[in-house]
Protein backbone atom coordinates (compact mmCIF):
# COMPACT_ATOMS: atom_id res chain seq x y z
CA MET A 1 -12.85 33.35 -5.71
CA ASN A 2 -13.75 34.09 -9.32
CA ARG A 3 -14.80 31.59 -11.98
CA ASP A 4 -11.36 31.35 -13.63
CA ASP A 5 -9.71 30.49 -10.31
CA LYS A 6 -12.29 27.80 -9.66
CA LEU A 7 -11.78 26.32 -13.13
CA ALA A 8 -8.01 26.23 -12.58
CA ILE A 9 -8.43 24.48 -9.23
CA VAL A 10 -10.90 21.95 -10.66
CA SER A 11 -8.57 21.24 -13.57
CA GLU A 12 -5.60 20.75 -11.25
CA LEU A 13 -7.59 18.51 -8.90
CA ASN A 14 -8.96 16.51 -11.84
CA ASP A 15 -5.41 15.87 -13.04
CA SER A 16 -4.41 14.74 -9.54
CA PHE A 17 -7.43 12.42 -9.21
CA SER A 18 -6.71 10.97 -12.68
CA ARG A 19 -3.10 10.16 -11.81
CA ALA A 20 -3.84 8.85 -8.30
CA SER A 21 -4.02 5.08 -7.86
CA PHE A 22 -4.93 5.55 -4.21
CA ALA A 23 -7.04 8.24 -2.54
CA VAL A 24 -8.27 8.81 1.02
CA VAL A 25 -11.06 11.15 2.10
CA ALA A 26 -10.78 12.45 5.67
CA ASP A 27 -12.23 15.08 7.97
CA TYR A 28 -9.56 17.43 9.31
CA CYS A 29 -11.79 19.74 11.40
CA GLY A 30 -9.96 20.98 14.49
CA LEU A 31 -6.41 20.29 13.30
CA LYS A 32 -3.80 23.00 13.40
CA VAL A 33 -1.99 24.09 10.27
CA SER A 34 1.29 22.85 11.76
CA GLU A 35 -0.22 19.36 12.19
CA LEU A 36 -1.41 19.32 8.58
CA GLN A 37 2.05 20.43 7.53
CA LYS A 38 3.58 17.37 9.25
CA ILE A 39 1.42 14.94 7.28
CA ARG A 40 2.03 16.96 4.10
CA VAL A 41 5.80 16.49 4.49
CA GLU A 42 5.48 12.77 5.27
CA LEU A 43 3.22 12.22 2.27
CA LYS A 44 5.56 14.11 -0.03
CA ASN A 45 8.33 11.66 0.90
CA CYS A 46 6.23 8.74 -0.43
CA ASN A 47 5.08 10.31 -3.73
CA SER A 48 1.72 11.44 -2.32
CA GLU A 49 0.00 14.65 -1.34
CA ILE A 50 -2.85 15.98 0.76
CA ARG A 51 -5.22 18.54 -0.71
CA VAL A 52 -7.91 20.66 0.94
CA ALA A 53 -10.60 22.21 -1.25
CA LYS A 54 -14.28 23.06 -1.30
CA ASN A 55 -16.54 20.04 -1.62
CA THR A 56 -18.26 21.39 -4.73
CA LEU A 57 -14.89 21.74 -6.46
CA LEU A 58 -13.84 18.26 -5.35
CA LYS A 59 -17.09 16.76 -6.67
CA ARG A 60 -16.56 18.41 -10.06
CA ALA A 61 -12.91 17.39 -10.17
CA VAL A 62 -13.46 13.72 -9.33
CA THR A 63 -16.01 13.11 -12.09
CA ASP A 64 -14.75 11.10 -15.06
CA THR A 65 -11.76 9.80 -13.10
CA GLY A 66 -11.00 6.41 -11.62
CA ASN A 67 -11.77 7.76 -8.16
CA SER A 68 -15.31 8.97 -8.91
CA ALA A 69 -16.69 6.55 -6.29
CA LEU A 70 -15.51 9.03 -3.63
CA SER A 71 -17.81 11.87 -4.72
CA ASP A 72 -20.53 11.08 -2.16
CA SER A 73 -17.98 11.36 0.68
CA PHE A 74 -17.22 15.04 0.09
CA THR A 75 -19.15 16.63 2.97
CA GLY A 76 -18.06 18.89 5.80
CA THR A 77 -14.38 19.78 6.11
CA THR A 78 -12.67 17.54 3.60
CA ALA A 79 -9.04 16.69 3.03
CA VAL A 80 -8.06 14.30 0.25
CA VAL A 81 -4.85 12.29 0.29
CA MET A 82 -3.73 11.10 -3.15
CA GLY A 83 -1.03 8.52 -3.72
CA TYR A 84 0.59 8.20 -7.12
CA ALA A 85 2.75 5.10 -6.71
CA ASP A 86 2.74 2.33 -4.12
CA PRO A 87 -0.50 2.62 -2.06
CA VAL A 88 0.96 1.01 1.07
CA ALA A 89 3.28 3.88 2.02
CA PRO A 90 0.62 6.64 2.06
CA ALA A 91 -1.81 4.24 3.78
CA LYS A 92 0.75 3.77 6.56
CA VAL A 93 1.23 7.55 6.90
CA VAL A 94 -2.53 8.26 6.97
CA ALA A 95 -3.30 5.45 9.44
CA LYS A 96 -0.51 6.54 11.79
CA PHE A 97 -1.55 10.19 11.55
CA ALA A 98 -5.18 9.25 12.31
CA ASP A 99 -4.02 7.26 15.36
CA ASP A 100 -1.89 10.17 16.62
CA HIS A 101 -4.49 12.89 15.89
CA LYS A 102 -8.02 11.93 16.92
CA LYS A 103 -9.46 14.97 15.09
CA PHE A 104 -8.28 13.53 11.75
CA ILE A 105 -11.12 11.13 10.89
CA ILE A 106 -10.80 8.87 7.86
CA ARG A 107 -14.11 8.57 6.01
CA CYS A 108 -13.23 6.20 3.17
CA ALA A 109 -10.64 5.49 0.52
CA ALA A 110 -10.34 4.32 -3.07
CA LEU A 111 -7.78 1.83 -4.34
CA ASP A 112 -7.47 1.53 -8.12
CA GLY A 113 -10.94 3.01 -8.55
CA GLU A 114 -12.70 0.78 -6.01
CA LYS A 115 -14.08 2.33 -2.85
CA ILE A 116 -12.78 0.71 0.34
CA GLY A 117 -13.66 1.28 3.97
CA VAL A 118 -11.57 2.31 6.92
CA GLU A 119 -10.96 -1.32 7.96
CA GLU A 120 -9.52 -2.18 4.54
CA LEU A 121 -7.35 0.94 4.68
CA ILE A 122 -5.97 -0.12 8.08
CA ALA A 123 -5.33 -3.63 6.72
CA LEU A 124 -3.53 -2.11 3.72
CA SER A 125 -1.37 -0.01 6.04
CA LYS A 126 -0.21 -3.15 7.85
CA LEU A 127 1.14 -4.75 4.68
CA PRO A 128 4.88 -4.65 4.07
CA THR A 129 6.14 -2.25 1.41
CA LYS A 130 6.43 -3.31 -2.22
CA GLU A 131 10.20 -3.75 -1.95
CA VAL A 132 9.86 -6.06 1.07
CA LEU A 133 7.18 -8.13 -0.68
CA LEU A 134 9.37 -8.46 -3.77
CA GLY A 135 12.28 -9.56 -1.58
CA GLN A 136 10.11 -12.20 0.10
CA LEU A 137 8.93 -13.45 -3.31
CA LEU A 138 12.50 -13.64 -4.60
CA SER A 139 13.55 -15.54 -1.49
CA THR A 140 10.72 -18.02 -2.01
CA TRP A 141 11.63 -18.49 -5.66
CA LYS A 142 15.26 -19.07 -4.70
CA ASN A 143 14.43 -21.61 -2.00
CA VAL A 144 12.04 -23.74 -4.09
CA PRO A 145 14.68 -25.05 -6.56
CA THR A 146 17.19 -25.56 -3.75
CA GLY A 147 14.69 -27.63 -1.77
CA LEU A 148 13.72 -29.62 -4.86
CA VAL A 149 17.36 -30.47 -5.59
CA GLN A 150 17.88 -31.57 -1.99
CA VAL A 151 14.81 -33.81 -2.12
CA LEU A 152 15.79 -35.31 -5.46
CA THR A 153 19.36 -36.02 -4.34
CA GLY A 154 18.18 -37.40 -0.98
CA VAL A 155 16.97 -40.75 -2.37
CA PRO A 156 20.18 -41.65 -4.26
CA ARG A 157 22.27 -40.41 -1.34
CA SER A 158 20.37 -42.67 1.07
CA PHE A 159 20.77 -45.56 -1.34
CA VAL A 160 24.54 -45.00 -1.56
CA TYR A 161 24.80 -44.77 2.27
CA THR A 162 22.88 -48.04 2.55
CA LEU A 163 25.18 -49.76 0.03
CA GLN A 164 28.22 -48.41 1.89
CA ALA A 165 26.84 -49.75 5.19
CA ILE A 166 26.24 -53.20 3.63
CA LYS A 167 29.77 -53.20 2.18
CA ASP A 168 31.25 -52.21 5.57
CA GLN A 169 29.19 -54.93 7.27
CA LYS A 170 30.42 -57.64 4.84
CA GLU A 171 34.02 -56.50 5.16
CA ALA A 172 33.73 -56.63 8.97
CA ALA A 173 32.22 -60.13 8.74
CA ASN A 174 35.04 -61.35 6.47
CA ASN A 175 37.78 -60.04 8.79
């Protein structure tokens, strides 16, 4: 590979690292190309990608980006998953793929520029998607005013029921 090709790859990787809000570094040694193709397709469906490159090129590309904390993890056979939107969806794909393929070993990840471990990545993968969380929040917001109105109307309603019971009692006593 000549110098111009390397510069083009570093530039392309740098752009990807700059745009990525979520990145995962993993070891893919021993995986078949067909297996990597499966995760590549799944990641593409959630606005993410997996890239394989030389560690020296990855180290150059990650400098001066929000994901520069990952540079010390580029050793051995390295694959980098980069997510450009919601981090939960690619985290789910990567965690499931790592469970299904024992040769795919997650080293670390970065979320909004902060390095996180494998445990945090697994916890992130168990979160509901952004749309589900927004739906739950909207449901909570809708139920709070309804509950407040029911509580506030409960006291006068009880008072009216009590007055009605006293009235019924007096009418029964007079008859």
